[in-house]
Amino acid sequence: MNSKFVDTPMDPNVRLLHNQGEPLSYPKKYRRLIKKLNYLIITRPDISFAVSVVSQFLNSPYEDHWN
């Protein structure tokens, strides 16, 4: 009940879809970044929403997901 609101680095109203934009030319870079961000949310809970959204696209990341 005494929790505080925290700003998130991602707009919660943005809709990311599969097959949106151009496919990434190097998807391993995207996957490596998401893995690192998953460890970072332990100490930075303010990015947990954004990380959970972008981690849904690990199988086929696109340019819009990267941005």
PDB file of N, CA and C in Angstrom:
ATOM      1  N   MET A   1       0.813  -1.188   0.000  1.00  0.00           N
ATOM      2  CA  MET A   1       0.000   0.000   0.000  1.00  0.00           C
ATOM      3  C   MET A   1       0.862   1.260   0.000  1.00  0.00           C
ATOM      4  N   ASN A   2       2.062   1.154   0.505  1.00  0.00           N
ATOM      5  CA  ASN A   2       2.956   2.308   0.534  1.00  0.00           C
ATOM      6  C   ASN A   2       3.916   2.309  -0.642  1.00  0.00           C
ATOM      7  N   SER A   3       3.582   1.579  -1.684  1.00  0.00           N
ATOM      8  CA  SER A   3       4.474   1.514  -2.835  1.00  0.00           C
ATOM      9  C   SER A   3       4.431   2.814  -3.622  1.00  0.00           C
ATOM     10  N   LYS A   4       5.532   3.051  -4.347  1.00  0.00           N
ATOM     11  CA  LYS A   4       5.642   4.265  -5.144  1.00  0.00           C
ATOM     12  C   LYS A   4       5.570   3.901  -6.619  1.00  0.00           C
ATOM     13  N   PHE A   5       5.062   4.813  -7.412  1.00  0.00           N
ATOM     14  CA  PHE A   5       5.038   4.617  -8.851  1.00  0.00           C
ATOM     15  C   PHE A   5       6.441   4.827  -9.411  1.00  0.00           C
ATOM     16  N   VAL A   6       6.767   4.033 -10.411  1.00  0.00           N
ATOM     17  CA  VAL A   6       8.081   4.125 -11.029  1.00  0.00           C
ATOM     18  C   VAL A   6       7.889   4.315 -12.523  1.00  0.00           C
ATOM     19  N   ASP A   7       8.633   5.249 -13.088  1.00  0.00           N
ATOM     20  CA  ASP A   7       8.587   5.435 -14.535  1.00  0.00           C
ATOM     21  C   ASP A   7       9.245   4.247 -15.222  1.00  0.00           C
ATOM     22  N   THR A   8       8.699   3.853 -16.340  1.00  0.00           N
ATOM     23  CA  THR A   8       9.275   2.779 -17.127  1.00  0.00           C
ATOM     24  C   THR A   8       9.852   3.380 -18.398  1.00  0.00           C
ATOM     25  N   PRO A   9      10.948   2.819 -18.906  1.00  0.00           N
ATOM     26  CA  PRO A   9      11.557   3.386 -20.101  1.00  0.00           C
ATOM     27  C   PRO A   9      10.785   3.099 -21.388  1.00  0.00           C
ATOM     28  N   MET A  10       9.651   2.437 -21.272  1.00  0.00           N
ATOM     29  CA  MET A  10       8.871   2.062 -22.455  1.00  0.00           C
ATOM     30  C   MET A  10       7.435   2.536 -22.287  1.00  0.00           C
ATOM     31  N   ASP A  11       6.882   3.050 -23.344  1.00  0.00           N
ATOM     32  CA  ASP A  11       5.485   3.469 -23.327  1.00  0.00           C
ATOM     33  C   ASP A  11       4.602   2.231 -23.207  1.00  0.00           C
ATOM     34  N   PRO A  12       3.770   2.116 -22.179  1.00  0.00           N
ATOM     35  CA  PRO A  12       2.949   0.922 -22.009  1.00  0.00           C
ATOM     36  C   PRO A  12       1.868   0.749 -23.071  1.00  0.00           C
ATOM     37  N   ASN A  13       1.620   1.770 -23.865  1.00  0.00           N
ATOM     38  CA  ASN A  13       0.587   1.684 -24.898  1.00  0.00           C
ATOM     39  C   ASN A  13       1.125   1.261 -26.259  1.00  0.00           C
ATOM     40  N   VAL A  14       2.428   1.061 -26.372  1.00  0.00           N
ATOM     41  CA  VAL A  14       3.023   0.634 -27.643  1.00  0.00           C
ATOM     42  C   VAL A  14       2.675  -0.830 -27.890  1.00  0.00           C
ATOM     43  N   ARG A  15       2.219  -1.119 -29.089  1.00  0.00           N
ATOM     44  CA  ARG A  15       1.855  -2.487 -29.454  1.00  0.00           C
ATOM     45  C   ARG A  15       2.914  -3.050 -30.387  1.00  0.00           C
ATOM     46  N   LEU A  16       3.689  -3.995 -29.906  1.00  0.00           N
ATOM     47  CA  LEU A  16       4.666  -4.678 -30.741  1.00  0.00           C
ATOM     48  C   LEU A  16       4.053  -5.987 -31.220  1.00  0.00           C
ATOM     49  N   LEU A  17       4.177  -6.243 -32.504  1.00  0.00           N
ATOM     50  CA  LEU A  17       3.589  -7.435 -33.101  1.00  0.00           C
ATOM     51  C   LEU A  17       4.666  -8.286 -33.753  1.00  0.00           C
ATOM     52  N   HIS A  18       4.374  -9.576 -33.909  1.00  0.00           N
ATOM     53  CA  HIS A  18       5.271 -10.447 -34.657  1.00  0.00           C
ATOM     54  C   HIS A  18       5.253 -10.012 -36.118  1.00  0.00           C
ATOM     55  N   ASN A  19       6.356 -10.197 -36.815  1.00  0.00           N
ATOM     56  CA  ASN A  19       6.488  -9.837 -38.232  1.00  0.00           C
ATOM     57  C   ASN A  19       6.232  -8.351 -38.468  1.00  0.00           C
ATOM     58  N   GLN A  20       6.693  -7.519 -37.578  1.00  0.00           N
ATOM     59  CA  GLN A  20       6.491  -6.075 -37.685  1.00  0.00           C
ATOM     60  C   GLN A  20       7.808  -5.433 -38.099  1.00  0.00           C
ATOM     61  N   GLY A  21       7.872  -4.867 -39.285  1.00  0.00           N
ATOM     62  CA  GLY A  21       9.088  -4.226 -39.761  1.00  0.00           C
ATOM     63  C   GLY A  21       9.983  -5.204 -40.507  1.00  0.00           C
ATOM     64  N   GLU A  22      11.271  -4.871 -40.547  1.00  0.00           N
ATOM     65  CA  GLU A  22      12.263  -5.709 -41.228  1.00  0.00           C
ATOM     66  C   GLU A  22      12.895  -6.675 -40.227  1.00  0.00           C
ATOM     67  N   PRO A  23      13.171  -7.928 -40.642  1.00  0.00           N
ATOM     68  CA  PRO A  23      13.860  -8.856 -39.736  1.00  0.00           C
ATOM     69  C   PRO A  23      15.268  -8.356 -39.413  1.00  0.00           C
ATOM     70  N   LEU A  24      15.718  -8.630 -38.220  1.00  0.00           N
ATOM     71  CA  LEU A  24      17.073  -8.245 -37.844  1.00  0.00           C
ATOM     72  C   LEU A  24      18.079  -9.076 -38.616  1.00  0.00           C
ATOM     73  N   SER A  25      19.136  -8.436 -39.057  1.00  0.00           N
ATOM     74  CA  SER A  25      20.157  -9.163 -39.810  1.00  0.00           C
ATOM     75  C   SER A  25      21.027 -10.010 -38.886  1.00  0.00           C
ATOM     76  N   TYR A  26      21.104  -9.648 -37.611  1.00  0.00           N
ATOM     77  CA  TYR A  26      21.921 -10.393 -36.651  1.00  0.00           C
ATOM     78  C   TYR A  26      21.107 -10.622 -35.375  1.00  0.00           C
ATOM     79  N   PRO A  27      20.238 -11.636 -35.362  1.00  0.00           N
ATOM     80  CA  PRO A  27      19.355 -11.838 -34.200  1.00  0.00           C
ATOM     81  C   PRO A  27      20.086 -12.282 -32.933  1.00  0.00           C
ATOM     82  N   LYS A  28      21.305 -12.827 -33.062  1.00  0.00           N
ATOM     83  CA  LYS A  28      22.044 -13.240 -31.858  1.00  0.00           C
ATOM     84  C   LYS A  28      22.365 -12.050 -30.965  1.00  0.00           C
ATOM     85  N   LYS A  29      22.576 -10.906 -31.570  1.00  0.00           N
ATOM     86  CA  LYS A  29      22.851  -9.688 -30.807  1.00  0.00           C
ATOM     87  C   LYS A  29      21.636  -9.323 -29.951  1.00  0.00           C
ATOM     88  N   TYR A  30      20.449  -9.451 -30.520  1.00  0.00           N
ATOM     89  CA  TYR A  30      19.201  -9.171 -29.805  1.00  0.00           C
ATOM     90  C   TYR A  30      19.026 -10.145 -28.647  1.00  0.00           C
ATOM     91  N   ARG A  31      19.242 -11.414 -28.908  1.00  0.00           N
ATOM     92  CA  ARG A  31      19.069 -12.433 -27.860  1.00  0.00           C
ATOM     93  C   ARG A  31      20.058 -12.241 -26.722  1.00  0.00           C
ATOM     94  N   ARG A  32      21.292 -11.883 -27.063  1.00  0.00           N
ATOM     95  CA  ARG A  32      22.303 -11.653 -26.043  1.00  0.00           C
ATOM     96  C   ARG A  32      21.923 -10.455 -25.168  1.00  0.00           C
ATOM     97  N   LEU A  33      21.404  -9.412 -25.791  1.00  0.00           N
ATOM     98  CA  LEU A  33      20.984  -8.234 -25.030  1.00  0.00           C
ATOM     99  C   LEU A  33      19.842  -8.571 -24.079  1.00  0.00           C
ATOM    100  N   ILE A  34      18.862  -9.327 -24.544  1.00  0.00           N
ATOM    101  CA  ILE A  34      17.726  -9.693 -23.690  1.00  0.00           C
ATOM    102  C   ILE A  34      18.179 -10.547 -22.515  1.00  0.00           C
ATOM    103  N   LYS A  35      19.107 -11.460 -22.749  1.00  0.00           N
ATOM    104  CA  LYS A  35      19.631 -12.278 -21.643  1.00  0.00           C
ATOM    105  C   LYS A  35      20.306 -11.413 -20.594  1.00  0.00           C
ATOM    106  N   LYS A  36      21.064 -10.423 -21.023  1.00  0.00           N
ATOM    107  CA  LYS A  36      21.731  -9.528 -20.079  1.00  0.00           C
ATOM    108  C   LYS A  36      20.717  -8.675 -19.330  1.00  0.00           C
ATOM    109  N   LEU A  37      19.693  -8.225 -20.033  1.00  0.00           N
ATOM    110  CA  LEU A  37      18.667  -7.411 -19.376  1.00  0.00           C
ATOM    111  C   LEU A  37      17.875  -8.218 -18.355  1.00  0.00           C
ATOM    112  N   ASN A  38      17.683  -9.512 -18.613  1.00  0.00           N
ATOM    113  CA  ASN A  38      16.978 -10.359 -17.638  1.00  0.00           C
ATOM    114  C   ASN A  38      17.726 -10.424 -16.316  1.00  0.00           C
ATOM    115  N   TYR A  39      19.038 -10.456 -16.355  1.00  0.00           N
ATOM    116  CA  TYR A  39      19.812 -10.425 -15.114  1.00  0.00           C
ATOM    117  C   TYR A  39      19.754  -9.054 -14.462  1.00  0.00           C
ATOM    118  N   LEU A  40      19.675  -8.028 -15.258  1.00  0.00           N
ATOM    119  CA  LEU A  40      19.686  -6.679 -14.729  1.00  0.00           C
ATOM    120  C   LEU A  40      18.392  -6.330 -13.984  1.00  0.00           C
ATOM    121  N   ILE A  41      17.276  -6.966 -14.330  1.00  0.00           N
ATOM    122  CA  ILE A  41      16.011  -6.610 -13.659  1.00  0.00           C
ATOM    123  C   ILE A  41      16.001  -6.995 -12.187  1.00  0.00           C
ATOM    124  N   ILE A  42      16.962  -7.794 -11.756  1.00  0.00           N
ATOM    125  CA  ILE A  42      17.058  -8.129 -10.327  1.00  0.00           C
ATOM    126  C   ILE A  42      17.341  -6.867  -9.519  1.00  0.00           C
ATOM    127  N   THR A  43      18.209  -6.028 -10.057  1.00  0.00           N
ATOM    128  CA  THR A  43      18.558  -4.797  -9.346  1.00  0.00           C
ATOM    129  C   THR A  43      17.833  -3.574  -9.887  1.00  0.00           C
ATOM    130  N   ARG A  44      17.202  -3.703 -11.055  1.00  0.00           N
ATOM    131  CA  ARG A  44      16.496  -2.579 -11.681  1.00  0.00           C
ATOM    132  C   ARG A  44      15.071  -2.977 -12.031  1.00  0.00           C
ATOM    133  N   PRO A  45      14.185  -3.037 -11.050  1.00  0.00           N
ATOM    134  CA  PRO A  45      12.808  -3.465 -11.337  1.00  0.00           C
ATOM    135  C   PRO A  45      12.044  -2.502 -12.239  1.00  0.00           C
ATOM    136  N   ASP A  46      12.538  -1.283 -12.424  1.00  0.00           N
ATOM    137  CA  ASP A  46      11.839  -0.322 -13.270  1.00  0.00           C
ATOM    138  C   ASP A  46      11.886  -0.704 -14.744  1.00  0.00           C
ATOM    139  N   ILE A  47      12.800  -1.586 -15.136  1.00  0.00           N
ATOM    140  CA  ILE A  47      12.866  -1.999 -16.539  1.00  0.00           C
ATOM    141  C   ILE A  47      12.205  -3.355 -16.776  1.00  0.00           C
ATOM    142  N   SER A  48      11.626  -3.935 -15.758  1.00  0.00           N
ATOM    143  CA  SER A  48      11.070  -5.285 -15.894  1.00  0.00           C
ATOM    144  C   SER A  48       9.931  -5.351 -16.911  1.00  0.00           C
ATOM    145  N   PHE A  49       9.103  -4.324 -16.996  1.00  0.00           N
ATOM    146  CA  PHE A  49       8.010  -4.333 -17.976  1.00  0.00           C
ATOM    147  C   PHE A  49       8.561  -4.346 -19.393  1.00  0.00           C
ATOM    148  N   ALA A  50       9.495  -3.463 -19.670  1.00  0.00           N
ATOM    149  CA  ALA A  50      10.070  -3.376 -21.018  1.00  0.00           C
ATOM    150  C   ALA A  50      10.786  -4.668 -21.398  1.00  0.00           C
ATOM    151  N   VAL A  51      11.508  -5.251 -20.468  1.00  0.00           N
ATOM    152  CA  VAL A  51      12.229  -6.502 -20.747  1.00  0.00           C
ATOM    153  C   VAL A  51      11.241  -7.635 -21.004  1.00  0.00           C
ATOM    154  N   SER A  52      10.160  -7.681 -20.262  1.00  0.00           N
ATOM    155  CA  SER A  52       9.182  -8.754 -20.479  1.00  0.00           C
ATOM    156  C   SER A  52       8.509  -8.629 -21.843  1.00  0.00           C
ATOM    157  N   VAL A  53       8.290  -7.399 -22.297  1.00  0.00           N
ATOM    158  CA  VAL A  53       7.657  -7.196 -23.601  1.00  0.00           C
ATOM    159  C   VAL A  53       8.595  -7.627 -24.724  1.00  0.00           C
ATOM    160  N   VAL A  54       9.841  -7.157 -24.690  1.00  0.00           N
ATOM    161  CA  VAL A  54      10.760  -7.470 -25.794  1.00  0.00           C
ATOM    162  C   VAL A  54      11.252  -8.912 -25.757  1.00  0.00           C
ATOM    163  N   SER A  55      11.184  -9.567 -24.617  1.00  0.00           N
ATOM    164  CA  SER A  55      11.624 -10.961 -24.556  1.00  0.00           C
ATOM    165  C   SER A  55      10.618 -11.913 -25.222  1.00  0.00           C
ATOM    166  N   GLN A  56       9.442 -11.427 -25.548  1.00  0.00           N
ATOM    167  CA  GLN A  56       8.457 -12.255 -26.248  1.00  0.00           C
ATOM    168  C   GLN A  56       8.859 -12.525 -27.693  1.00  0.00           C
ATOM    169  N   PHE A  57       9.826 -11.785 -28.202  1.00  0.00           N
ATOM    170  CA  PHE A  57      10.196 -11.876 -29.614  1.00  0.00           C
ATOM    171  C   PHE A  57      11.585 -12.465 -29.815  1.00  0.00           C
ATOM    172  N   LEU A  58      12.014 -13.339 -28.923  1.00  0.00           N
ATOM    173  CA  LEU A  58      13.348 -13.931 -29.036  1.00  0.00           C
ATOM    174  C   LEU A  58      13.484 -14.837 -30.254  1.00  0.00           C
ATOM    175  N   ASN A  59      12.429 -15.504 -30.645  1.00  0.00           N
ATOM    176  CA  ASN A  59      12.521 -16.436 -31.779  1.00  0.00           C
ATOM    177  C   ASN A  59      12.703 -15.731 -33.109  1.00  0.00           C
ATOM    178  N   SER A  60      12.024 -14.629 -33.300  1.00  0.00           N
ATOM    179  CA  SER A  60      12.133 -13.903 -34.570  1.00  0.00           C
ATOM    180  C   SER A  60      12.082 -12.396 -34.323  1.00  0.00           C
ATOM    181  N   PRO A  61      13.210 -11.813 -33.922  1.00  0.00           N
ATOM    182  CA  PRO A  61      13.231 -10.377 -33.653  1.00  0.00           C
ATOM    183  C   PRO A  61      13.253  -9.555 -34.943  1.00  0.00           C
ATOM    184  N   TYR A  62      12.594  -8.412 -34.899  1.00  0.00           N
ATOM    185  CA  TYR A  62      12.525  -7.494 -36.026  1.00  0.00           C
ATOM    186  C   TYR A  62      13.078  -6.135 -35.594  1.00  0.00           C
ATOM    187  N   GLU A  63      13.284  -5.267 -36.561  1.00  0.00           N
ATOM    188  CA  GLU A  63      13.856  -3.948 -36.303  1.00  0.00           C
ATOM    189  C   GLU A  63      13.023  -3.157 -35.287  1.00  0.00           C
ATOM    190  N   ASP A  64      11.713  -3.225 -35.381  1.00  0.00           N
ATOM    191  CA  ASP A  64      10.859  -2.492 -34.443  1.00  0.00           C
ATOM    192  C   ASP A  64      11.025  -3.004 -33.018  1.00  0.00           C
ATOM    193  N   HIS A  65      11.270  -4.280 -32.851  1.00  0.00           N
ATOM    194  CA  HIS A  65      11.491  -4.840 -31.514  1.00  0.00           C
ATOM    195  C   HIS A  65      12.812  -4.315 -30.962  1.00  0.00           C
ATOM    196  N   TRP A  66      13.819  -4.226 -31.803  1.00  0.00           N
ATOM    197  CA  TRP A  66      15.116  -3.717 -31.377  1.00  0.00           C
ATOM    198  C   TRP A  66      15.006  -2.244 -30.971  1.00  0.00           C
ATOM    199  N   ASN A  67      14.282  -1.493 -31.768  1.00  0.00           N
ATOM    200  CA  ASN A  67      14.141  -0.050 -31.450  1.00  0.00           C
ATOM    201  C   ASN A  67      13.357   0.146 -30.174  1.00  0.00           C
TER     202      ASN A  67
END
